[in-house]
Amino acid sequence: MDSKKIQEMTGFELLEAMRLGEIPPASIAVTIPMIITQVLEGEVTFIATADDHHLNPLGGVHGGFAATVLDSATGCAVHSALQAGIGYGTIDLNIKMIRPIPKNEPLIAQGKVINLSKSLGIAEGTLTNQSGKLLVTATATCMLIKPRHGE
């Protein structure tokens, strides 16, 4: 799919096309294995799995794994509510690590918009295990990036 066509897609349409495999996922999904499993307007769900590539010097899963996954989940939740041609960038990400992240276990990351204005999107996110135990929470603020006139 060419970049012009992608620019004409709403955030929801773009993320749904990724989920369906019609366009490739962002390259971060190779570094941090995660796939989109559900897209709703203002909500996104990923499955993410930490492996031996995501460990800290003590052998536990590095906190950056959870931060990256929840940055993606909250940012994509905001993106799913945006019109075509509007981008976003995370300007603040607040993470609370509640429990250690297990290795080699599929985890559920969910992001949900809690407020969307003309210039900012605010979302909350959770990372849980398959049985629903809360591991990490996050809130994120995203700046909305609108095209300049004449571009």
N, C-alpha and C. Protein backbone atom coordinates (compact mmCIF):
# COMPACT_ATOMS: atom_id res chain seq x y z
N MET A 1 0.86 -1.18 0.00
CA MET A 1 0.00 0.00 0.00
C MET A 1 0.90 1.24 0.00
N ASP A 2 0.62 2.20 -0.87
CA ASP A 2 1.49 3.36 -0.96
C ASP A 2 1.22 4.35 0.18
N SER A 3 2.23 5.21 0.44
CA SER A 3 2.14 6.13 1.56
C SER A 3 1.01 7.15 1.40
N LYS A 4 0.67 7.52 0.16
CA LYS A 4 -0.44 8.45 -0.06
C LYS A 4 -1.75 7.83 0.42
N LYS A 5 -1.96 6.57 0.11
CA LYS A 5 -3.17 5.88 0.55
C LYS A 5 -3.22 5.81 2.08
N ILE A 6 -2.08 5.53 2.69
CA ILE A 6 -2.02 5.46 4.16
C ILE A 6 -2.38 6.82 4.76
N GLN A 7 -1.90 7.91 4.17
CA GLN A 7 -2.20 9.25 4.67
C GLN A 7 -3.70 9.57 4.59
N GLU A 8 -4.42 8.88 3.72
CA GLU A 8 -5.85 9.11 3.57
C GLU A 8 -6.69 8.26 4.51
N MET A 9 -6.04 7.39 5.30
CA MET A 9 -6.77 6.50 6.20
C MET A 9 -6.91 7.15 7.58
N THR A 10 -8.05 6.92 8.22
CA THR A 10 -8.19 7.34 9.61
C THR A 10 -7.27 6.47 10.46
N GLY A 11 -7.05 6.88 11.69
CA GLY A 11 -6.24 6.06 12.59
C GLY A 11 -6.84 4.68 12.78
N PHE A 12 -8.15 4.63 12.94
CA PHE A 12 -8.83 3.33 13.09
C PHE A 12 -8.59 2.46 11.86
N GLU A 13 -8.76 3.02 10.66
CA GLU A 13 -8.58 2.25 9.43
C GLU A 13 -7.15 1.73 9.29
N LEU A 14 -6.18 2.56 9.64
CA LEU A 14 -4.78 2.16 9.54
C LEU A 14 -4.48 1.00 10.51
N LEU A 15 -4.91 1.14 11.75
CA LEU A 15 -4.64 0.09 12.75
C LEU A 15 -5.39 -1.19 12.42
N GLU A 16 -6.58 -1.07 11.91
CA GLU A 16 -7.34 -2.26 11.52
C GLU A 16 -6.67 -2.96 10.33
N ALA A 17 -6.13 -2.18 9.40
CA ALA A 17 -5.40 -2.77 8.27
C ALA A 17 -4.15 -3.50 8.76
N MET A 18 -3.49 -2.96 9.78
CA MET A 18 -2.34 -3.66 10.39
C MET A 18 -2.80 -4.96 11.04
N ARG A 19 -3.88 -4.87 11.79
CA ARG A 19 -4.39 -6.06 12.48
C ARG A 19 -4.71 -7.18 11.49
N LEU A 20 -5.27 -6.81 10.36
CA LEU A 20 -5.66 -7.78 9.34
C LEU A 20 -4.49 -8.23 8.45
N GLY A 21 -3.32 -7.63 8.64
CA GLY A 21 -2.15 -7.99 7.84
C GLY A 21 -2.13 -7.36 6.46
N GLU A 22 -2.98 -6.36 6.22
CA GLU A 22 -3.02 -5.69 4.92
C GLU A 22 -1.85 -4.73 4.75
N ILE A 23 -1.33 -4.22 5.85
CA ILE A 23 -0.11 -3.42 5.85
C ILE A 23 0.77 -3.94 6.99
N PRO A 24 2.08 -3.80 6.86
CA PRO A 24 2.96 -4.34 7.90
C PRO A 24 2.85 -3.54 9.19
N PRO A 25 3.12 -4.20 10.31
CA PRO A 25 3.12 -3.47 11.59
C PRO A 25 4.34 -2.55 11.68
N ALA A 26 4.32 -1.69 12.66
CA ALA A 26 5.48 -0.84 12.92
C ALA A 26 6.68 -1.72 13.24
N SER A 27 7.87 -1.28 12.88
CA SER A 27 9.07 -2.11 13.09
C SER A 27 9.36 -2.38 14.56
N ILE A 28 8.85 -1.58 15.47
CA ILE A 28 9.05 -1.85 16.90
C ILE A 28 8.44 -3.20 17.29
N ALA A 29 7.47 -3.67 16.53
CA ALA A 29 6.83 -4.96 16.82
C ALA A 29 7.75 -6.14 16.54
N VAL A 30 8.90 -5.88 15.92
CA VAL A 30 9.92 -6.92 15.75
C VAL A 30 10.82 -6.94 17.00
N THR A 31 11.21 -5.75 17.45
CA THR A 31 12.06 -5.63 18.64
C THR A 31 11.32 -6.08 19.89
N ILE A 32 10.11 -5.63 20.03
CA ILE A 32 9.24 -6.00 21.14
C ILE A 32 8.08 -6.78 20.51
N PRO A 33 8.12 -8.12 20.57
CA PRO A 33 7.08 -8.90 19.88
C PRO A 33 5.67 -8.57 20.40
N MET A 34 4.91 -7.88 19.55
CA MET A 34 3.52 -7.55 19.91
C MET A 34 2.69 -7.49 18.65
N ILE A 35 1.46 -7.95 18.79
CA ILE A 35 0.52 -7.91 17.67
C ILE A 35 -0.79 -7.30 18.14
N ILE A 36 -1.41 -6.56 17.25
CA ILE A 36 -2.72 -5.98 17.55
C ILE A 36 -3.77 -7.08 17.40
N THR A 37 -4.59 -7.24 18.43
CA THR A 37 -5.66 -8.24 18.36
C THR A 37 -7.04 -7.63 18.27
N GLN A 38 -7.19 -6.37 18.66
CA GLN A 38 -8.49 -5.72 18.57
C GLN A 38 -8.30 -4.21 18.44
N VAL A 39 -9.12 -3.61 17.58
CA VAL A 39 -9.14 -2.16 17.42
C VAL A 39 -10.58 -1.70 17.47
N LEU A 40 -10.86 -0.78 18.37
CA LEU A 40 -12.13 -0.08 18.43
C LEU A 40 -11.78 1.41 18.40
N GLU A 41 -12.73 2.26 18.13
CA GLU A 41 -12.41 3.68 18.16
C GLU A 41 -12.11 4.09 19.60
N GLY A 42 -10.88 4.49 19.84
CA GLY A 42 -10.45 4.90 21.17
C GLY A 42 -9.93 3.78 22.06
N GLU A 43 -9.86 2.55 21.53
CA GLU A 43 -9.36 1.42 22.31
C GLU A 43 -8.58 0.46 21.42
N VAL A 44 -7.48 -0.06 21.97
CA VAL A 44 -6.65 -1.02 21.24
C VAL A 44 -6.16 -2.09 22.20
N THR A 45 -6.08 -3.33 21.70
CA THR A 45 -5.54 -4.44 22.49
C THR A 45 -4.41 -5.10 21.71
N PHE A 46 -3.32 -5.38 22.42
CA PHE A 46 -2.15 -6.08 21.87
C PHE A 46 -1.91 -7.35 22.68
N ILE A 47 -1.27 -8.31 22.08
CA ILE A 47 -0.64 -9.42 22.79
C ILE A 47 0.86 -9.20 22.64
N ALA A 48 1.58 -9.24 23.77
CA ALA A 48 3.03 -9.02 23.75
C ALA A 48 3.70 -10.10 24.59
N THR A 49 4.88 -10.52 24.15
CA THR A 49 5.60 -11.57 24.86
C THR A 49 7.06 -11.19 25.01
N ALA A 50 7.52 -11.11 26.25
CA ALA A 50 8.94 -10.85 26.53
C ALA A 50 9.71 -12.16 26.39
N ASP A 51 10.93 -12.06 25.88
CA ASP A 51 11.77 -13.26 25.75
C ASP A 51 13.19 -12.93 26.21
N ASP A 52 14.14 -13.77 25.89
CA ASP A 52 15.52 -13.58 26.35
C ASP A 52 16.17 -12.29 25.83
N HIS A 53 15.59 -11.65 24.83
CA HIS A 53 16.12 -10.40 24.30
C HIS A 53 15.72 -9.19 25.14
N HIS A 54 14.89 -9.38 26.15
CA HIS A 54 14.31 -8.27 26.91
C HIS A 54 14.69 -8.29 28.39
N LEU A 55 15.82 -8.87 28.71
CA LEU A 55 16.20 -9.05 30.10
C LEU A 55 17.15 -7.95 30.60
N ASN A 56 17.04 -7.65 31.90
CA ASN A 56 17.97 -6.73 32.55
C ASN A 56 19.19 -7.53 33.03
N PRO A 57 20.21 -6.89 33.58
CA PRO A 57 21.42 -7.61 34.00
C PRO A 57 21.18 -8.69 35.07
N LEU A 58 20.07 -8.60 35.80
CA LEU A 58 19.76 -9.60 36.83
C LEU A 58 18.95 -10.77 36.29
N GLY A 59 18.59 -10.73 35.01
CA GLY A 59 17.86 -11.83 34.40
C GLY A 59 16.36 -11.68 34.38
N GLY A 60 15.85 -10.59 34.95
CA GLY A 60 14.41 -10.32 34.89
C GLY A 60 14.08 -9.53 33.64
N VAL A 61 12.79 -9.48 33.29
CA VAL A 61 12.37 -8.69 32.13
C VAL A 61 12.55 -7.21 32.45
N HIS A 62 13.26 -6.53 31.57
CA HIS A 62 13.55 -5.09 31.74
C HIS A 62 12.26 -4.29 31.74
N GLY A 63 12.20 -3.28 32.59
CA GLY A 63 11.02 -2.41 32.66
C GLY A 63 10.73 -1.70 31.36
N GLY A 64 11.75 -1.52 30.53
CA GLY A 64 11.55 -0.88 29.23
C GLY A 64 10.64 -1.68 28.31
N PHE A 65 10.59 -2.98 28.53
CA PHE A 65 9.66 -3.81 27.75
C PHE A 65 8.24 -3.35 28.00
N ALA A 66 7.84 -3.28 29.27
CA ALA A 66 6.47 -2.87 29.61
C ALA A 66 6.21 -1.43 29.19
N ALA A 67 7.21 -0.56 29.37
CA ALA A 67 7.04 0.84 28.99
C ALA A 67 6.80 0.96 27.48
N THR A 68 7.55 0.22 26.69
CA THR A 68 7.39 0.27 25.24
C THR A 68 6.03 -0.27 24.81
N VAL A 69 5.64 -1.40 25.39
CA VAL A 69 4.35 -1.99 25.04
C VAL A 69 3.21 -1.04 25.40
N LEU A 70 3.28 -0.43 26.59
CA LEU A 70 2.18 0.46 26.99
C LEU A 70 2.24 1.80 26.27
N ASP A 71 3.42 2.24 25.86
CA ASP A 71 3.49 3.43 25.00
C ASP A 71 2.77 3.14 23.69
N SER A 72 2.97 1.94 23.15
CA SER A 72 2.30 1.55 21.91
C SER A 72 0.79 1.44 22.11
N ALA A 73 0.38 0.80 23.19
CA ALA A 73 -1.06 0.60 23.43
C ALA A 73 -1.79 1.93 23.65
N THR A 74 -1.21 2.81 24.45
CA THR A 74 -1.87 4.09 24.71
C THR A 74 -1.83 4.99 23.48
N GLY A 75 -0.67 5.01 22.80
CA GLY A 75 -0.56 5.83 21.58
C GLY A 75 -1.49 5.36 20.49
N CYS A 76 -1.58 4.05 20.30
CA CYS A 76 -2.48 3.52 19.27
C CYS A 76 -3.94 3.73 19.64
N ALA A 77 -4.26 3.73 20.93
CA ALA A 77 -5.64 4.04 21.34
C ALA A 77 -5.99 5.46 20.90
N VAL A 78 -5.08 6.38 21.13
CA VAL A 78 -5.30 7.76 20.67
C VAL A 78 -5.39 7.79 19.14
N HIS A 79 -4.46 7.12 18.47
CA HIS A 79 -4.45 7.12 17.00
C HIS A 79 -5.77 6.57 16.45
N SER A 80 -6.33 5.57 17.10
CA SER A 80 -7.57 4.96 16.60
C SER A 80 -8.75 5.92 16.59
N ALA A 81 -8.63 7.02 17.30
CA ALA A 81 -9.71 8.01 17.37
C ALA A 81 -9.46 9.22 16.48
N LEU A 82 -8.35 9.20 15.71
CA LEU A 82 -7.99 10.37 14.91
C LEU A 82 -8.45 10.25 13.46
N GLN A 83 -8.74 11.40 12.89
CA GLN A 83 -9.13 11.47 11.49
C GLN A 83 -7.90 11.30 10.60
N ALA A 84 -8.14 11.08 9.33
CA ALA A 84 -7.06 10.91 8.36
C ALA A 84 -6.16 12.13 8.35
N GLY A 85 -4.85 11.88 8.22
CA GLY A 85 -3.89 12.96 8.12
C GLY A 85 -3.42 13.53 9.44
N ILE A 86 -4.03 13.12 10.55
CA ILE A 86 -3.62 13.62 11.86
C ILE A 86 -2.75 12.57 12.53
N GLY A 87 -1.57 13.00 12.96
CA GLY A 87 -0.66 12.11 13.65
C GLY A 87 -0.63 12.41 15.13
N TYR A 88 0.28 11.77 15.82
CA TYR A 88 0.42 12.00 17.26
C TYR A 88 1.85 11.69 17.68
N GLY A 89 2.22 12.21 18.82
CA GLY A 89 3.51 11.89 19.43
C GLY A 89 3.35 11.89 20.93
N THR A 90 3.90 10.90 21.59
CA THR A 90 3.81 10.83 23.05
C THR A 90 4.68 11.93 23.65
N ILE A 91 4.10 12.73 24.54
CA ILE A 91 4.87 13.77 25.23
C ILE A 91 5.05 13.45 26.71
N ASP A 92 4.27 12.51 27.23
CA ASP A 92 4.40 12.11 28.62
C ASP A 92 3.92 10.68 28.77
N LEU A 93 4.70 9.85 29.44
CA LEU A 93 4.32 8.47 29.71
C LEU A 93 4.65 8.17 31.16
N ASN A 94 3.63 7.81 31.93
CA ASN A 94 3.80 7.51 33.35
C ASN A 94 3.49 6.04 33.56
N ILE A 95 4.48 5.30 34.06
CA ILE A 95 4.37 3.85 34.24
C ILE A 95 4.42 3.51 35.72
N LYS A 96 3.58 2.59 36.14
CA LYS A 96 3.63 2.03 37.50
C LYS A 96 3.81 0.53 37.37
N MET A 97 4.98 0.05 37.77
CA MET A 97 5.27 -1.38 37.76
C MET A 97 4.71 -1.99 39.04
N ILE A 98 3.80 -2.92 38.90
CA ILE A 98 3.12 -3.51 40.06
C ILE A 98 3.68 -4.89 40.38
N ARG A 99 3.92 -5.67 39.36
CA ARG A 99 4.46 -7.04 39.51
C ARG A 99 5.53 -7.27 38.45
N PRO A 100 6.44 -8.21 38.70
CA PRO A 100 7.44 -8.54 37.68
C PRO A 100 6.78 -9.05 36.40
N ILE A 101 7.40 -8.74 35.28
CA ILE A 101 6.91 -9.19 33.97
C ILE A 101 7.44 -10.60 33.73
N PRO A 102 6.56 -11.56 33.46
CA PRO A 102 7.04 -12.92 33.17
C PRO A 102 7.64 -13.02 31.77
N LYS A 103 8.57 -13.93 31.63
CA LYS A 103 9.22 -14.17 30.34
C LYS A 103 8.51 -15.33 29.64
N ASN A 104 8.43 -15.25 28.31
CA ASN A 104 7.86 -16.31 27.46
C ASN A 104 6.40 -16.61 27.79
N GLU A 105 5.67 -15.58 28.18
CA GLU A 105 4.24 -15.72 28.47
C GLU A 105 3.48 -14.62 27.74
N PRO A 106 2.53 -14.95 26.89
CA PRO A 106 1.75 -13.91 26.21
C PRO A 106 1.00 -13.04 27.22
N LEU A 107 1.16 -11.74 27.08
CA LEU A 107 0.53 -10.78 27.97
C LEU A 107 -0.44 -9.92 27.18
N ILE A 108 -1.43 -9.38 27.87
CA ILE A 108 -2.45 -8.55 27.22
C ILE A 108 -2.20 -7.09 27.58
N ALA A 109 -2.01 -6.27 26.57
CA ALA A 109 -1.84 -4.83 26.74
C ALA A 109 -3.06 -4.14 26.15
N GLN A 110 -3.70 -3.31 26.95
CA GLN A 110 -4.88 -2.58 26.49
C GLN A 110 -4.67 -1.09 26.70
N GLY A 111 -5.05 -0.32 25.71
CA GLY A 111 -5.02 1.13 25.79
C GLY A 111 -6.40 1.67 25.53
N LYS A 112 -6.76 2.73 26.26
CA LYS A 112 -8.09 3.33 26.11
C LYS A 112 -7.98 4.84 26.27
N VAL A 113 -8.57 5.57 25.33
CA VAL A 113 -8.59 7.04 25.41
C VAL A 113 -9.50 7.46 26.56
N ILE A 114 -9.01 8.39 27.37
CA ILE A 114 -9.85 8.94 28.43
C ILE A 114 -10.23 10.39 28.17
N ASN A 115 -9.47 11.06 27.27
CA ASN A 115 -9.84 12.41 26.86
C ASN A 115 -9.15 12.73 25.54
N LEU A 116 -9.91 13.37 24.65
CA LEU A 116 -9.37 13.78 23.36
C LEU A 116 -9.83 15.21 23.11
N SER A 117 -8.87 16.13 22.96
CA SER A 117 -9.18 17.52 22.66
C SER A 117 -8.63 17.86 21.28
N LYS A 118 -8.63 19.11 20.92
CA LYS A 118 -8.12 19.53 19.61
C LYS A 118 -6.62 19.35 19.50
N SER A 119 -5.91 19.38 20.62
CA SER A 119 -4.45 19.32 20.56
C SER A 119 -3.81 18.18 21.34
N LEU A 120 -4.58 17.53 22.24
CA LEU A 120 -4.02 16.47 23.07
C LEU A 120 -4.94 15.26 23.14
N GLY A 121 -4.32 14.10 23.25
CA GLY A 121 -5.05 12.87 23.54
C GLY A 121 -4.45 12.28 24.81
N ILE A 122 -5.31 11.88 25.73
CA ILE A 122 -4.86 11.27 26.98
C ILE A 122 -5.45 9.87 27.03
N ALA A 123 -4.57 8.90 27.32
CA ALA A 123 -5.01 7.51 27.35
C ALA A 123 -4.43 6.81 28.57
N GLU A 124 -5.11 5.75 28.97
CA GLU A 124 -4.61 4.90 30.05
C GLU A 124 -4.38 3.51 29.48
N GLY A 125 -3.47 2.79 30.11
CA GLY A 125 -3.16 1.45 29.62
C GLY A 125 -2.90 0.49 30.76
N THR A 126 -3.11 -0.80 30.47
CA THR A 126 -2.80 -1.85 31.43
C THR A 126 -2.08 -2.98 30.73
N LEU A 127 -1.24 -3.65 31.48
CA LEU A 127 -0.59 -4.87 31.02
C LEU A 127 -0.93 -5.94 32.04
N THR A 128 -1.59 -7.00 31.58
CA THR A 128 -2.03 -8.08 32.46
C THR A 128 -1.56 -9.42 31.92
N ASN A 129 -1.57 -10.42 32.80
CA ASN A 129 -1.31 -11.77 32.31
C ASN A 129 -2.61 -12.35 31.78
N GLN A 130 -2.56 -13.56 31.26
CA GLN A 130 -3.73 -14.17 30.63
C GLN A 130 -4.89 -14.37 31.60
N SER A 131 -4.60 -14.50 32.88
CA SER A 131 -5.67 -14.68 33.87
C SER A 131 -6.19 -13.36 34.41
N GLY A 132 -5.66 -12.23 33.89
CA GLY A 132 -6.18 -10.93 34.27
C GLY A 132 -5.45 -10.25 35.41
N LYS A 133 -4.38 -10.84 35.92
CA LYS A 133 -3.62 -10.22 37.01
C LYS A 133 -2.89 -8.99 36.48
N LEU A 134 -3.08 -7.86 37.14
CA LEU A 134 -2.48 -6.60 36.73
C LEU A 134 -0.99 -6.59 37.02
N LEU A 135 -0.19 -6.29 35.99
CA LEU A 135 1.26 -6.23 36.12
C LEU A 135 1.78 -4.79 36.10
N VAL A 136 1.24 -3.98 35.18
CA VAL A 136 1.72 -2.61 34.98
C VAL A 136 0.54 -1.74 34.55
N THR A 137 0.53 -0.49 35.01
CA THR A 137 -0.44 0.49 34.52
C THR A 137 0.33 1.67 33.92
N ALA A 138 -0.36 2.42 33.08
CA ALA A 138 0.27 3.58 32.45
C ALA A 138 -0.78 4.64 32.13
N THR A 139 -0.33 5.86 32.08
CA THR A 139 -1.10 6.94 31.48
C THR A 139 -0.16 7.65 30.51
N ALA A 140 -0.73 8.14 29.44
CA ALA A 140 0.07 8.83 28.43
C ALA A 140 -0.67 10.05 27.92
N THR A 141 0.10 11.08 27.62
CA THR A 141 -0.41 12.26 26.96
C THR A 141 0.25 12.33 25.59
N CYS A 142 -0.57 12.48 24.57
CA CYS A 142 -0.06 12.57 23.19
C CYS A 142 -0.43 13.91 22.59
N MET A 143 0.54 14.53 21.93
CA MET A 143 0.30 15.75 21.17
C MET A 143 -0.26 15.34 19.82
N LEU A 144 -1.33 15.99 19.40
CA LEU A 144 -1.88 15.71 18.08
C LEU A 144 -1.16 16.58 17.06
N ILE A 145 -0.77 15.96 15.96
CA ILE A 145 0.02 16.64 14.95
C ILE A 145 -0.82 16.74 13.68
N LYS A 146 -1.21 17.98 13.38
CA LYS A 146 -2.06 18.22 12.21
C LYS A 146 -1.22 18.71 11.04
N PRO A 147 -1.63 18.36 9.82
CA PRO A 147 -0.84 18.80 8.65
C PRO A 147 -0.89 20.31 8.52
N ARG A 148 0.22 20.87 8.04
CA ARG A 148 0.28 22.30 7.79
C ARG A 148 -0.43 22.59 6.50
N HIS A 149 -1.02 23.76 6.40
CA HIS A 149 -1.71 24.15 5.16
C HIS A 149 -0.70 24.19 4.02
N GLY A 150 -1.10 23.66 2.89
CA GLY A 150 -0.25 23.65 1.71
C GLY A 150 0.64 22.43 1.60
N GLU A 151 0.58 21.53 2.59
CA GLU A 151 1.40 20.30 2.50
C GLU A 151 0.60 19.16 1.97
